Each structure stands twice: as C-alpha cells, then as structure tokens.
Amino acid sequence: MFKEFMLCSLCFLLLLFYATKVNGHPDGATPFWYPSSFIYGYINGCAESVEQGQFSFTEEFWPDEVRSICGCVVDSLRHSLEYEKMLDNNSKSQAASIVSATFPICITEEKLKKTDEIRGV
C-alpha cells in the first residue's frame, strides 16, 4: 500500500511540475544553495503561520513535526528554484505553486513517519 501511494504521489508531482513548467534538479542532485538564515527564517515563519492559522492538520502534530513539514517544503524550493530567483518578485507565483503542491505531500510524509514510529518500523 505504501509503495503504491508513493508511486502515485511521485507521478502526480512529476505531472504537476511538468505541467507548470517548473523544472527542478534530477533525482540525487545537490539542491541549490540557500543561506542558512533564509532556511531557518522560512521554517520558523512557516511554522508560526501554520500554528496561528489553526489549520486542521495541526491537531495531529507537535510543533517540531510542523517544523519538519515546513523544512520539507523549503527543501522542495531548494530543488526547484535558485536562491536569486526565490528573491525575485517575478518568481513569487512559481514559488507559491511549488509550496501549494508540496505542502500536502510533506504532511502525508510526516504522517507516515509517525505511523512507522508507532509500529516500530
């Protein structure tokens, strides 16, 4: 079941990236360089806005798990956009597309980690 889910998620993600002309690195490639202050600030800002927004999924996660989800999202940005493009106002819609596409996937991955920890896998 897990392998089927991951395969479907991967296919959907690839279709989404190619449909919106967002071409990231190939698998296994080194992500684009981002300063640690940006990554740290993004994760903290994301976690704060998620917790203040009281999104439904926050009831299932501890604050560290929410930060892990936000870290997953920023990693997807690092694989898709160069840092200079991330700061460019013209790329804001591209970044928003990446975030909206990967946020649910990152939530699902965190849920799977949690169930694996419960099962002792």
PDB file of N, CA and C in Angstrom:
ATOM      1  N   MET A   1       0.829  -1.184   0.000  1.00  0.00           N
ATOM      2  CA  MET A   1       0.000   0.000   0.000  1.00  0.00           C
ATOM      3  C   MET A   1       0.876   1.252   0.000  1.00  0.00           C
ATOM      4  N   PHE A   2       1.919   1.257   0.819  1.00  0.00           N
ATOM      5  CA  PHE A   2       2.798   2.406   0.905  1.00  0.00           C
ATOM      6  C   PHE A   2       3.517   2.654  -0.421  1.00  0.00           C
ATOM      7  N   LYS A   3       3.999   1.573  -1.051  1.00  0.00           N
ATOM      8  CA  LYS A   3       4.708   1.728  -2.319  1.00  0.00           C
ATOM      9  C   LYS A   3       3.775   2.282  -3.395  1.00  0.00           C
ATOM     10  N   GLU A   4       2.528   1.797  -3.414  1.00  0.00           N
ATOM     11  CA  GLU A   4       1.555   2.293  -4.391  1.00  0.00           C
ATOM     12  C   GLU A   4       1.269   3.769  -4.157  1.00  0.00           C
ATOM     13  N   PHE A   5       1.122   4.151  -2.902  1.00  0.00           N
ATOM     14  CA  PHE A   5       0.860   5.549  -2.571  1.00  0.00           C
ATOM     15  C   PHE A   5       2.024   6.428  -3.000  1.00  0.00           C
ATOM     16  N   MET A   6       3.239   6.003  -2.706  1.00  0.00           N
ATOM     17  CA  MET A   6       4.409   6.793  -3.061  1.00  0.00           C
ATOM     18  C   MET A   6       4.551   6.903  -4.580  1.00  0.00           C
ATOM     19  N   LEU A   7       4.266   5.820  -5.305  1.00  0.00           N
ATOM     20  CA  LEU A   7       4.343   5.852  -6.754  1.00  0.00           C
ATOM     21  C   LEU A   7       3.315   6.817  -7.327  1.00  0.00           C
ATOM     22  N   CYS A   8       2.100   6.781  -6.819  1.00  0.00           N
ATOM     23  CA  CYS A   8       1.056   7.704  -7.273  1.00  0.00           C
ATOM     24  C   CYS A   8       1.420   9.145  -6.935  1.00  0.00           C
ATOM     25  N   SER A   9       1.939   9.358  -5.743  1.00  0.00           N
ATOM     26  CA  SER A   9       2.341  10.715  -5.343  1.00  0.00           C
ATOM     27  C   SER A   9       3.454  11.226  -6.232  1.00  0.00           C
ATOM     28  N   LEU A  10       4.418  10.380  -6.528  1.00  0.00           N
ATOM     29  CA  LEU A  10       5.528  10.777  -7.377  1.00  0.00           C
ATOM     30  C   LEU A  10       5.044  11.111  -8.786  1.00  0.00           C
ATOM     31  N   CYS A  11       4.168  10.287  -9.322  1.00  0.00           N
ATOM     32  CA  CYS A  11       3.628  10.554 -10.665  1.00  0.00           C
ATOM     33  C   CYS A  11       2.856  11.868 -10.687  1.00  0.00           C
ATOM     34  N   PHE A  12       2.052  12.097  -9.679  1.00  0.00           N
ATOM     35  CA  PHE A  12       1.290  13.344  -9.607  1.00  0.00           C
ATOM     36  C   PHE A  12       2.225  14.539  -9.509  1.00  0.00           C
ATOM     37  N   LEU A  13       3.233  14.426  -8.689  1.00  0.00           N
ATOM     38  CA  LEU A  13       4.190  15.519  -8.513  1.00  0.00           C
ATOM     39  C   LEU A  13       4.930  15.806  -9.813  1.00  0.00           C
ATOM     40  N   LEU A  14       5.373  14.761 -10.496  1.00  0.00           N
ATOM     41  CA  LEU A  14       6.066  14.962 -11.769  1.00  0.00           C
ATOM     42  C   LEU A  14       5.148  15.602 -12.803  1.00  0.00           C
ATOM     43  N   LEU A  15       3.927  15.145 -12.860  1.00  0.00           N
ATOM     44  CA  LEU A  15       2.963  15.731 -13.792  1.00  0.00           C
ATOM     45  C   LEU A  15       2.728  17.195 -13.467  1.00  0.00           C
ATOM     46  N   LEU A  16       2.600  17.500 -12.207  1.00  0.00           N
ATOM     47  CA  LEU A  16       2.363  18.875 -11.788  1.00  0.00           C
ATOM     48  C   LEU A  16       3.538  19.767 -12.142  1.00  0.00           C
ATOM     49  N   PHE A  17       4.756  19.301 -11.895  1.00  0.00           N
ATOM     50  CA  PHE A  17       5.931  20.110 -12.195  1.00  0.00           C
ATOM     51  C   PHE A  17       6.096  20.338 -13.695  1.00  0.00           C
ATOM     52  N   TYR A  18       5.845  19.316 -14.492  1.00  0.00           N
ATOM     53  CA  TYR A  18       5.999  19.500 -15.929  1.00  0.00           C
ATOM     54  C   TYR A  18       4.843  20.304 -16.517  1.00  0.00           C
ATOM     55  N   ALA A  19       3.665  20.206 -15.924  1.00  0.00           N
ATOM     56  CA  ALA A  19       2.521  20.966 -16.423  1.00  0.00           C
ATOM     57  C   ALA A  19       2.676  22.454 -16.155  1.00  0.00           C
ATOM     58  N   THR A  20       3.349  22.822 -15.070  1.00  0.00           N
ATOM     59  CA  THR A  20       3.528  24.230 -14.749  1.00  0.00           C
ATOM     60  C   THR A  20       4.905  24.744 -15.172  1.00  0.00           C
ATOM     61  N   LYS A  21       5.657  23.933 -15.905  1.00  0.00           N
ATOM     62  CA  LYS A  21       6.977  24.297 -16.404  1.00  0.00           C
ATOM     63  C   LYS A  21       7.947  24.691 -15.295  1.00  0.00           C
ATOM     64  N   VAL A  22       7.856  23.995 -14.203  1.00  0.00           N
ATOM     65  CA  VAL A  22       8.815  24.166 -13.117  1.00  0.00           C
ATOM     66  C   VAL A  22       9.711  22.945 -13.175  1.00  0.00           C
ATOM     67  N   ASN A  23      10.922  23.148 -13.617  1.00  0.00           N
ATOM     68  CA  ASN A  23      11.846  22.038 -13.769  1.00  0.00           C
ATOM     69  C   ASN A  23      12.901  22.101 -12.685  1.00  0.00           C
ATOM     70  N   GLY A  24      12.878  21.131 -11.806  1.00  0.00           N
ATOM     71  CA  GLY A  24      13.845  21.073 -10.724  1.00  0.00           C
ATOM     72  C   GLY A  24      15.037  20.231 -11.113  1.00  0.00           C
ATOM     73  N   HIS A  25      15.834  19.941 -10.129  1.00  0.00           N
ATOM     74  CA  HIS A  25      17.002  19.092 -10.332  1.00  0.00           C
ATOM     75  C   HIS A  25      16.582  17.651 -10.579  1.00  0.00           C
ATOM     76  N   PRO A  26      17.424  16.890 -11.232  1.00  0.00           N
ATOM     77  CA  PRO A  26      17.158  15.451 -11.323  1.00  0.00           C
ATOM     78  C   PRO A  26      17.341  14.800  -9.949  1.00  0.00           C
ATOM     79  N   ASP A  27      16.768  13.633  -9.781  1.00  0.00           N
ATOM     80  CA  ASP A  27      16.891  12.929  -8.501  1.00  0.00           C
ATOM     81  C   ASP A  27      18.358  12.745  -8.136  1.00  0.00           C
ATOM     82  N   GLY A  28      18.652  12.953  -6.872  1.00  0.00           N
ATOM     83  CA  GLY A  28      20.005  12.764  -6.384  1.00  0.00           C
ATOM     84  C   GLY A  28      20.911  13.965  -6.581  1.00  0.00           C
ATOM     85  N   ALA A  29      20.429  14.991  -7.236  1.00  0.00           N
ATOM     86  CA  ALA A  29      21.264  16.177  -7.467  1.00  0.00           C
ATOM     87  C   ALA A  29      21.333  17.022  -6.196  1.00  0.00           C
ATOM     88  N   THR A  30      22.393  17.780  -6.088  1.00  0.00           N
ATOM     89  CA  THR A  30      22.555  18.686  -4.955  1.00  0.00           C
ATOM     90  C   THR A  30      21.583  19.846  -5.107  1.00  0.00           C
ATOM     91  N   PRO A  31      20.856  20.193  -4.054  1.00  0.00           N
ATOM     92  CA  PRO A  31      19.920  21.323  -4.174  1.00  0.00           C
ATOM     93  C   PRO A  31      20.661  22.636  -4.352  1.00  0.00           C
ATOM     94  N   PHE A  32      19.923  23.626  -4.853  1.00  0.00           N
ATOM     95  CA  PHE A  32      20.511  24.954  -4.989  1.00  0.00           C
ATOM     96  C   PHE A  32      20.900  25.479  -3.615  1.00  0.00           C
ATOM     97  N   TRP A  33      21.941  26.309  -3.583  1.00  0.00           N
ATOM     98  CA  TRP A  33      22.410  26.883  -2.329  1.00  0.00           C
ATOM     99  C   TRP A  33      21.449  27.964  -1.856  1.00  0.00           C
ATOM    100  N   TYR A  34      21.069  27.900  -0.598  1.00  0.00           N
ATOM    101  CA  TYR A  34      20.289  28.938   0.076  1.00  0.00           C
ATOM    102  C   TYR A  34      21.025  29.243   1.379  1.00  0.00           C
ATOM    103  N   PRO A  35      21.081  30.512   1.788  1.00  0.00           N
ATOM    104  CA  PRO A  35      21.743  30.811   3.065  1.00  0.00           C
ATOM    105  C   PRO A  35      20.958  30.207   4.232  1.00  0.00           C
ATOM    106  N   SER A  36      21.682  29.813   5.263  1.00  0.00           N
ATOM    107  CA  SER A  36      21.034  29.178   6.415  1.00  0.00           C
ATOM    108  C   SER A  36      20.038  30.124   7.079  1.00  0.00           C
ATOM    109  N   SER A  37      20.302  31.429   7.025  1.00  0.00           N
ATOM    110  CA  SER A  37      19.363  32.385   7.631  1.00  0.00           C
ATOM    111  C   SER A  37      18.016  32.355   6.922  1.00  0.00           C
ATOM    112  N   PHE A  38      18.033  32.155   5.596  1.00  0.00           N
ATOM    113  CA  PHE A  38      16.778  32.057   4.852  1.00  0.00           C
ATOM    114  C   PHE A  38      16.028  30.787   5.240  1.00  0.00           C
ATOM    115  N   ILE A  39      16.752  29.677   5.266  1.00  0.00           N
ATOM    116  CA  ILE A  39      16.122  28.389   5.588  1.00  0.00           C
ATOM    117  C   ILE A  39      15.533  28.426   7.001  1.00  0.00           C
ATOM    118  N   TYR A  40      16.329  28.885   7.961  1.00  0.00           N
ATOM    119  CA  TYR A  40      15.878  28.980   9.351  1.00  0.00           C
ATOM    120  C   TYR A  40      14.672  29.917   9.459  1.00  0.00           C
ATOM    121  N   GLY A  41      14.753  31.067   8.818  1.00  0.00           N
ATOM    122  CA  GLY A  41      13.654  32.028   8.861  1.00  0.00           C
ATOM    123  C   GLY A  41      12.398  31.500   8.197  1.00  0.00           C
ATOM    124  N   TYR A  42      12.564  30.803   7.079  1.00  0.00           N
ATOM    125  CA  TYR A  42      11.401  30.242   6.383  1.00  0.00           C
ATOM    126  C   TYR A  42      10.708  29.197   7.247  1.00  0.00           C
ATOM    127  N   ILE A  43      11.491  28.315   7.838  1.00  0.00           N
ATOM    128  CA  ILE A  43      10.907  27.253   8.659  1.00  0.00           C
ATOM    129  C   ILE A  43      10.184  27.849   9.867  1.00  0.00           C
ATOM    130  N   ASN A  44      10.814  28.807  10.548  1.00  0.00           N
ATOM    131  CA  ASN A  44      10.158  29.429  11.700  1.00  0.00           C
ATOM    132  C   ASN A  44       8.913  30.206  11.298  1.00  0.00           C
ATOM    133  N   GLY A  45       8.996  30.976  10.218  1.00  0.00           N
ATOM    134  CA  GLY A  45       7.842  31.741   9.754  1.00  0.00           C
ATOM    135  C   GLY A  45       6.698  30.848   9.309  1.00  0.00           C
ATOM    136  N   CYS A  46       7.037  29.791   8.613  1.00  0.00           N
ATOM    137  CA  CYS A  46       6.029  28.829   8.157  1.00  0.00           C
ATOM    138  C   CYS A  46       5.347  28.171   9.355  1.00  0.00           C
ATOM    139  N   ALA A  47       6.147  27.714  10.316  1.00  0.00           N
ATOM    140  CA  ALA A  47       5.584  27.034  11.491  1.00  0.00           C
ATOM    141  C   ALA A  47       4.681  27.977  12.290  1.00  0.00           C
ATOM    142  N   GLU A  48       5.111  29.220  12.454  1.00  0.00           N
ATOM    143  CA  GLU A  48       4.287  30.188  13.188  1.00  0.00           C
ATOM    144  C   GLU A  48       2.969  30.458  12.475  1.00  0.00           C
ATOM    145  N   SER A  49       3.023  30.654  11.165  1.00  0.00           N
ATOM    146  CA  SER A  49       1.784  30.950  10.440  1.00  0.00           C
ATOM    147  C   SER A  49       0.852  29.744  10.417  1.00  0.00           C
ATOM    148  N   VAL A  50       1.412  28.543  10.343  1.00  0.00           N
ATOM    149  CA  VAL A  50       0.581  27.333  10.370  1.00  0.00           C
ATOM    150  C   VAL A  50      -0.087  27.197  11.737  1.00  0.00           C
ATOM    151  N   GLU A  51       0.673  27.409  12.803  1.00  0.00           N
ATOM    152  CA  GLU A  51       0.110  27.263  14.148  1.00  0.00           C
ATOM    153  C   GLU A  51      -0.891  28.373  14.461  1.00  0.00           C
ATOM    154  N   GLN A  52      -0.621  29.594  14.003  1.00  0.00           N
ATOM    155  CA  GLN A  52      -1.566  30.688  14.234  1.00  0.00           C
ATOM    156  C   GLN A  52      -2.827  30.515  13.398  1.00  0.00           C
ATOM    157  N   GLY A  53      -2.670  29.941  12.209  1.00  0.00           N
ATOM    158  CA  GLY A  53      -3.827  29.710  11.331  1.00  0.00           C
ATOM    159  C   GLY A  53      -4.718  28.577  11.800  1.00  0.00           C
ATOM    160  N   GLN A  54      -4.239  27.794  12.769  1.00  0.00           N
ATOM    161  CA  GLN A  54      -5.000  26.665  13.313  1.00  0.00           C
ATOM    162  C   GLN A  54      -5.564  25.767  12.204  1.00  0.00           C
ATOM    163  N   PHE A  55      -4.704  25.415  11.251  1.00  0.00           N
ATOM    164  CA  PHE A  55      -5.117  24.502  10.196  1.00  0.00           C
ATOM    165  C   PHE A  55      -5.457  23.153  10.808  1.00  0.00           C
ATOM    166  N   SER A  56      -6.371  22.450  10.171  1.00  0.00           N
ATOM    167  CA  SER A  56      -6.884  21.208  10.758  1.00  0.00           C
ATOM    168  C   SER A  56      -5.794  20.174  11.021  1.00  0.00           C
ATOM    169  N   PHE A  57      -4.790  20.104  10.174  1.00  0.00           N
ATOM    170  CA  PHE A  57      -3.764  19.078  10.365  1.00  0.00           C
ATOM    171  C   PHE A  57      -2.883  19.349  11.582  1.00  0.00           C
ATOM    172  N   THR A  58      -2.879  20.575  12.110  1.00  0.00           N
ATOM    173  CA  THR A  58      -2.020  20.881  13.257  1.00  0.00           C
ATOM    174  C   THR A  58      -2.469  20.159  14.518  1.00  0.00           C
ATOM    175  N   GLU A  59      -3.707  19.702  14.541  1.00  0.00           N
ATOM    176  CA  GLU A  59      -4.196  18.952  15.706  1.00  0.00           C
ATOM    177  C   GLU A  59      -3.473  17.609  15.841  1.00  0.00           C
ATOM    178  N   GLU A  60      -2.927  17.102  14.737  1.00  0.00           N
ATOM    179  CA  GLU A  60      -2.273  15.795  14.726  1.00  0.00           C
ATOM    180  C   GLU A  60      -0.781  15.858  15.025  1.00  0.00           C
ATOM    181  N   PHE A  61      -0.183  17.051  14.962  1.00  0.00           N
ATOM    182  CA  PHE A  61       1.266  17.160  15.040  1.00  0.00           C
ATOM    183  C   PHE A  61       1.726  18.040  16.186  1.00  0.00           C
ATOM    184  N   TRP A  62       2.891  17.696  16.723  1.00  0.00           N
ATOM    185  CA  TRP A  62       3.578  18.524  17.688  1.00  0.00           C
ATOM    186  C   TRP A  62       4.288  19.643  16.937  1.00  0.00           C
ATOM    187  N   PRO A  63       4.687  20.717  17.630  1.00  0.00           N
ATOM    188  CA  PRO A  63       5.371  21.829  16.944  1.00  0.00           C
ATOM    189  C   PRO A  63       6.628  21.410  16.172  1.00  0.00           C
ATOM    190  N   ASP A  64       7.394  20.473  16.699  1.00  0.00           N
ATOM    191  CA  ASP A  64       8.586  20.014  15.972  1.00  0.00           C
ATOM    192  C   ASP A  64       8.214  19.300  14.676  1.00  0.00           C
ATOM    193  N   GLU A  65       7.100  18.602  14.687  1.00  0.00           N
ATOM    194  CA  GLU A  65       6.647  17.922  13.467  1.00  0.00           C
ATOM    195  C   GLU A  65       6.163  18.937  12.432  1.00  0.00           C
ATOM    196  N   VAL A  66       5.529  20.017  12.891  1.00  0.00           N
ATOM    197  CA  VAL A  66       5.130  21.091  11.969  1.00  0.00           C
ATOM    198  C   VAL A  66       6.379  21.714  11.352  1.00  0.00           C
ATOM    199  N   ARG A  67       7.420  21.894  12.152  1.00  0.00           N
ATOM    200  CA  ARG A  67       8.674  22.436  11.619  1.00  0.00           C
ATOM    201  C   ARG A  67       9.302  21.472  10.605  1.00  0.00           C
ATOM    202  N   SER A  68       9.166  20.204  10.831  1.00  0.00           N
ATOM    203  CA  SER A  68       9.675  19.217   9.882  1.00  0.00           C
ATOM    204  C   SER A  68       8.931  19.324   8.548  1.00  0.00           C
ATOM    205  N   ILE A  69       7.630  19.531   8.612  1.00  0.00           N
ATOM    206  CA  ILE A  69       6.831  19.719   7.395  1.00  0.00           C
ATOM    207  C   ILE A  69       7.308  20.960   6.649  1.00  0.00           C
ATOM    208  N   CYS A  70       7.522  22.044   7.381  1.00  0.00           N
ATOM    209  CA  CYS A  70       7.999  23.288   6.764  1.00  0.00           C
ATOM    210  C   CYS A  70       9.399  23.105   6.175  1.00  0.00           C
ATOM    211  N   GLY A  71      10.236  22.307   6.826  1.00  0.00           N
ATOM    212  CA  GLY A  71      11.561  22.005   6.298  1.00  0.00           C
ATOM    213  C   GLY A  71      11.489  21.216   5.001  1.00  0.00           C
ATOM    214  N   CYS A  72      10.539  20.317   4.932  1.00  0.00           N
ATOM    215  CA  CYS A  72      10.314  19.542   3.711  1.00  0.00           C
ATOM    216  C   CYS A  72       9.933  20.481   2.564  1.00  0.00           C
ATOM    217  N   VAL A  73       9.084  21.456   2.857  1.00  0.00           N
ATOM    218  CA  VAL A  73       8.648  22.409   1.831  1.00  0.00           C
ATOM    219  C   VAL A  73       9.825  23.251   1.345  1.00  0.00           C
ATOM    220  N   VAL A  74      10.638  23.745   2.272  1.00  0.00           N
ATOM    221  CA  VAL A  74      11.778  24.573   1.860  1.00  0.00           C
ATOM    222  C   VAL A  74      12.797  23.737   1.080  1.00  0.00           C
ATOM    223  N   ASP A  75      12.910  22.459   1.376  1.00  0.00           N
ATOM    224  CA  ASP A  75      13.790  21.591   0.586  1.00  0.00           C
ATOM    225  C   ASP A  75      13.284  21.470  -0.847  1.00  0.00           C
ATOM    226  N   SER A  76      11.971  21.389  -1.014  1.00  0.00           N
ATOM    227  CA  SER A  76      11.432  21.319  -2.379  1.00  0.00           C
ATOM    228  C   SER A  76      11.706  22.618  -3.131  1.00  0.00           C
ATOM    229  N   LEU A  77      11.656  23.736  -2.430  1.00  0.00           N
ATOM    230  CA  LEU A  77      12.003  25.014  -3.065  1.00  0.00           C
ATOM    231  C   LEU A  77      13.470  25.020  -3.494  1.00  0.00           C
ATOM    232  N   ARG A  78      14.341  24.503  -2.638  1.00  0.00           N
ATOM    233  CA  ARG A  78      15.779  24.482  -2.939  1.00  0.00           C
ATOM    234  C   ARG A  78      16.093  23.591  -4.132  1.00  0.00           C
ATOM    235  N   HIS A  79      15.273  22.591  -4.381  1.00  0.00           N
ATOM    236  CA  HIS A  79      15.486  21.722  -5.532  1.00  0.00           C
ATOM    237  C   HIS A  79      14.879  22.289  -6.806  1.00  0.00           C
ATOM    238  N   SER A  80      14.064  23.322  -6.680  1.00  0.00           N
ATOM    239  CA  SER A  80      13.341  23.829  -7.841  1.00  0.00           C
ATOM    240  C   SER A  80      13.747  25.230  -8.279  1.00  0.00           C
ATOM    241  N   LEU A  81      14.107  26.082  -7.334  1.00  0.00           N
ATOM    242  CA  LEU A  81      14.423  27.475  -7.663  1.00  0.00           C
ATOM    243  C   LEU A  81      15.777  27.878  -7.115  1.00  0.00           C
ATOM    244  N   GLU A  82      16.531  28.609  -7.919  1.00  0.00           N
ATOM    245  CA  GLU A  82      17.770  29.182  -7.421  1.00  0.00           C
ATOM    246  C   GLU A  82      17.421  30.260  -6.399  1.00  0.00           C
ATOM    247  N   TYR A  83      18.326  30.516  -5.475  1.00  0.00           N
ATOM    248  CA  TYR A  83      18.077  31.492  -4.417  1.00  0.00           C
ATOM    249  C   TYR A  83      17.761  32.874  -4.992  1.00  0.00           C
ATOM    250  N   GLU A  84      18.479  33.284  -6.019  1.00  0.00           N
ATOM    251  CA  GLU A  84      18.245  34.594  -6.622  1.00  0.00           C
ATOM    252  C   GLU A  84      16.835  34.692  -7.204  1.00  0.00           C
ATOM    253  N   LYS A  85      16.367  33.583  -7.813  1.00  0.00           N
ATOM    254  CA  LYS A  85      15.004  33.572  -8.352  1.00  0.00           C
ATOM    255  C   LYS A  85      13.971  33.598  -7.231  1.00  0.00           C
ATOM    256  N   MET A  86      14.307  32.971  -6.124  1.00  0.00           N
ATOM    257  CA  MET A  86      13.390  32.956  -4.981  1.00  0.00           C
ATOM    258  C   MET A  86      13.172  34.372  -4.467  1.00  0.00           C
ATOM    259  N   LEU A  87      14.204  35.201  -4.515  1.00  0.00           N
ATOM    260  CA  LEU A  87      14.093  36.575  -4.044  1.00  0.00           C
ATOM    261  C   LEU A  87      13.456  37.499  -5.075  1.00  0.00           C
ATOM    262  N   ASP A  88      13.427  37.068  -6.325  1.00  0.00           N
ATOM    263  CA  ASP A  88      12.887  37.878  -7.416  1.00  0.00           C
ATOM    264  C   ASP A  88      11.357  37.909  -7.346  1.00  0.00           C
ATOM    265  N   ASN A  89      10.771  39.089  -7.421  1.00  0.00           N
ATOM    266  CA  ASN A  89       9.314  39.227  -7.363  1.00  0.00           C
ATOM    267  C   ASN A  89       8.602  38.503  -8.502  1.00  0.00           C
ATOM    268  N   ASN A  90       9.261  38.364  -9.642  1.00  0.00           N
ATOM    269  CA  ASN A  90       8.638  37.696 -10.787  1.00  0.00           C
ATOM    270  C   ASN A  90       8.469  36.194 -10.559  1.00  0.00           C
ATOM    271  N   SER A  91       9.203  35.637  -9.615  1.00  0.00           N
ATOM    272  CA  SER A  91       9.139  34.195  -9.349  1.00  0.00           C
ATOM    273  C   SER A  91       8.217  33.845  -8.188  1.00  0.00           C
ATOM    274  N   LYS A  92       7.542  34.819  -7.602  1.00  0.00           N
ATOM    275  CA  LYS A  92       6.670  34.550  -6.439  1.00  0.00           C
ATOM    276  C   LYS A  92       5.583  33.538  -6.780  1.00  0.00           C
ATOM    277  N   SER A  93       4.993  33.641  -7.977  1.00  0.00           N
ATOM    278  CA  SER A  93       3.929  32.701  -8.343  1.00  0.00           C
ATOM    279  C   SER A  93       4.487  31.295  -8.517  1.00  0.00           C
ATOM    280  N   GLN A  94       5.722  31.204  -9.030  1.00  0.00           N
ATOM    281  CA  GLN A  94       6.365  29.898  -9.161  1.00  0.00           C
ATOM    282  C   GLN A  94       6.597  29.280  -7.782  1.00  0.00           C
ATOM    283  N   ALA A  95       7.091  30.082  -6.862  1.00  0.00           N
ATOM    284  CA  ALA A  95       7.341  29.588  -5.509  1.00  0.00           C
ATOM    285  C   ALA A  95       6.032  29.182  -4.838  1.00  0.00           C
ATOM    286  N   ALA A  96       4.984  29.976  -5.026  1.00  0.00           N
ATOM    287  CA  ALA A  96       3.680  29.641  -4.434  1.00  0.00           C
ATOM    288  C   ALA A  96       3.142  28.337  -5.000  1.00  0.00           C
ATOM    289  N   SER A  97       3.356  28.105  -6.293  1.00  0.00           N
ATOM    290  CA  SER A  97       2.914  26.844  -6.910  1.00  0.00           C
ATOM    291  C   SER A  97       3.649  25.658  -6.312  1.00  0.00           C
ATOM    292  N   ILE A  98       4.945  25.825  -6.115  1.00  0.00           N
ATOM    293  CA  ILE A  98       5.747  24.745  -5.537  1.00  0.00           C
ATOM    294  C   ILE A  98       5.290  24.448  -4.108  1.00  0.00           C
ATOM    295  N   VAL A  99       5.083  25.499  -3.330  1.00  0.00           N
ATOM    296  CA  VAL A  99       4.651  25.324  -1.934  1.00  0.00           C
ATOM    297  C   VAL A  99       3.281  24.657  -1.875  1.00  0.00           C
ATOM    298  N   SER A 100       2.343  25.127  -2.680  1.00  0.00           N
ATOM    299  CA  SER A 100       0.994  24.548  -2.626  1.00  0.00           C
ATOM    300  C   SER A 100       0.978  23.104  -3.112  1.00  0.00           C
ATOM    301  N   ALA A 101       1.898  22.756  -4.002  1.00  0.00           N
ATOM    302  CA  ALA A 101       1.957  21.370  -4.483  1.00  0.00           C
ATOM    303  C   ALA A 101       2.628  20.445  -3.483  1.00  0.00           C
ATOM    304  N   THR A 102       3.656  20.936  -2.803  1.00  0.00           N
ATOM    305  CA  THR A 102       4.427  20.045  -1.928  1.00  0.00           C
ATOM    306  C   THR A 102       3.933  20.013  -0.492  1.00  0.00           C
ATOM    307  N   PHE A 103       3.203  21.021  -0.047  1.00  0.00           N
ATOM    308  CA  PHE A 103       2.754  21.040   1.343  1.00  0.00           C
ATOM    309  C   PHE A 103       1.931  19.791   1.698  1.00  0.00           C
ATOM    310  N   PRO A 104       0.923  19.425   0.890  1.00  0.00           N
ATOM    311  CA  PRO A 104       0.169  18.201   1.230  1.00  0.00           C
ATOM    312  C   PRO A 104       1.031  16.941   1.207  1.00  0.00           C
ATOM    313  N   ILE A 105       1.998  16.904   0.309  1.00  0.00           N
ATOM    314  CA  ILE A 105       2.881  15.734   0.240  1.00  0.00           C
ATOM    315  C   ILE A 105       3.746  15.653   1.493  1.00  0.00           C
ATOM    316  N   CYS A 106       4.247  16.799   1.934  1.00  0.00           N
ATOM    317  CA  CYS A 106       5.074  16.828   3.147  1.00  0.00           C
ATOM    318  C   CYS A 106       4.255  16.439   4.384  1.00  0.00           C
ATOM    319  N   ILE A 107       3.004  16.856   4.430  1.00  0.00           N
ATOM    320  CA  ILE A 107       2.114  16.468   5.541  1.00  0.00           C
ATOM    321  C   ILE A 107       1.931  14.956   5.546  1.00  0.00           C
ATOM    322  N   THR A 108       1.681  14.390   4.378  1.00  0.00           N
ATOM    323  CA  THR A 108       1.495  12.942   4.268  1.00  0.00           C
ATOM    324  C   THR A 108       2.752  12.189   4.677  1.00  0.00           C
ATOM    325  N   GLU A 109       3.918  12.686   4.261  1.00  0.00           N
ATOM    326  CA  GLU A 109       5.169  12.033   4.650  1.00  0.00           C
ATOM    327  C   GLU A 109       5.361  12.058   6.159  1.00  0.00           C
ATOM    328  N   GLU A 110       5.009  13.177   6.786  1.00  0.00           N
ATOM    329  CA  GLU A 110       5.149  13.277   8.245  1.00  0.00           C
ATOM    330  C   GLU A 110       4.178  12.328   8.947  1.00  0.00           C
ATOM    331  N   LYS A 111       2.974  12.190   8.399  1.00  0.00           N
ATOM    332  CA  LYS A 111       2.010  11.229   8.964  1.00  0.00           C
ATOM    333  C   LYS A 111       2.552   9.807   8.857  1.00  0.00           C
ATOM    334  N   LEU A 112       3.156   9.490   7.713  1.00  0.00           N
ATOM    335  CA  LEU A 112       3.712   8.152   7.528  1.00  0.00           C
ATOM    336  C   LEU A 112       4.870   7.898   8.481  1.00  0.00           C
ATOM    337  N   LYS A 113       5.707   8.906   8.706  1.00  0.00           N
ATOM    338  CA  LYS A 113       6.794   8.768   9.683  1.00  0.00           C
ATOM    339  C   LYS A 113       6.234   8.459  11.063  1.00  0.00           C
ATOM    340  N   LYS A 114       5.153   9.153  11.382  1.00  0.00           N
ATOM    341  CA  LYS A 114       4.534   8.982  12.700  1.00  0.00           C
ATOM    342  C   LYS A 114       3.974   7.562  12.862  1.00  0.00           C
ATOM    343  N   THR A 115       3.298   7.069  11.848  1.00  0.00           N
ATOM    344  CA  THR A 115       2.743   5.714  11.939  1.00  0.00           C
ATOM    345  C   THR A 115       3.845   4.666  11.955  1.00  0.00           C
ATOM    346  N   ASP A 116       4.939   4.926  11.224  1.00  0.00           N
ATOM    347  CA  ASP A 116       6.070   3.990  11.255  1.00  0.00           C
ATOM    348  C   ASP A 116       6.709   3.948  12.636  1.00  0.00           C
ATOM    349  N   GLU A 117       6.800   5.117  13.298  1.00  0.00           N
ATOM    350  CA  GLU A 117       7.361   5.168  14.649  1.00  0.00           C
ATOM    351  C   GLU A 117       6.464   4.422  15.641  1.00  0.00           C
ATOM    352  N   ILE A 118       5.164   4.529  15.460  1.00  0.00           N
ATOM    353  CA  ILE A 118       4.218   3.843  16.353  1.00  0.00           C
ATOM    354  C   ILE A 118       4.349   2.333  16.182  1.00  0.00           C
ATOM    355  N   ARG A 119       4.488   1.918  14.920  1.00  0.00           N
ATOM    356  CA  ARG A 119       4.621   0.493  14.642  1.00  0.00           C
ATOM    357  C   ARG A 119       6.000  -0.049  14.959  1.00  0.00           C
ATOM    358  N   GLY A 120       6.961   0.847  15.145  1.00  0.00           N
ATOM    359  CA  GLY A 120       8.314   0.413  15.460  1.00  0.00           C
ATOM    360  C   GLY A 120       9.109   0.021  14.242  1.00  0.00           C
ATOM    361  N   VAL A 121       8.755   0.567  13.096  1.00  0.00           N
ATOM    362  CA  VAL A 121       9.440   0.239  11.850  1.00  0.00           C
ATOM    363  C   VAL A 121      10.639   1.112  11.675  1.00  0.00           C
TER     364      VAL A 121
END
